[in-house]
Amino acid sequence: SRPLRPPDPRADLDGIISLARALLSDTKGFLALLKTRYPAEGDHQLESLPVLAMSALELANIQTAGLSRVAADLQRYRRLLEWLRRAGLRPLEPELGALQGRLERLLRRLDHLV
């Protein structure tokens, strides 16, 4: 039998990048939906959200501390989503649930690396 090869961290990082991009896209879609259902004064932008424009090779250079920081930021995002769910946005529950599900998958993948 062949010896098992250790998992390729670049593949793990590519998966994390893909999940993070999907989470960002879903978040932007949710914000657009939120603005149509619950209009607020002022113009709210998502420009402050982080942009993932790195390849797995570049991300491989990030030390565990960097990944821990990303995980901590995502934990804060998790608390925000939980707060929104408790705030009584019942009509948006399916979208909030989908966002939280994607976030949980991303956090599990990060836990695997950190």
Foldseek 3Di string as FASTA:
>chain_A
DDDDDDDDQQVLVQVLLVLVVVLVVLVVVVVVVCCVVPPDPDDDDPVPDDDDDDHSVVVVPDDLVVLVVVLVVLVVVLVVLVVVVVVPPVVCVVSSVVSNVSSVVSNVSSVVVD
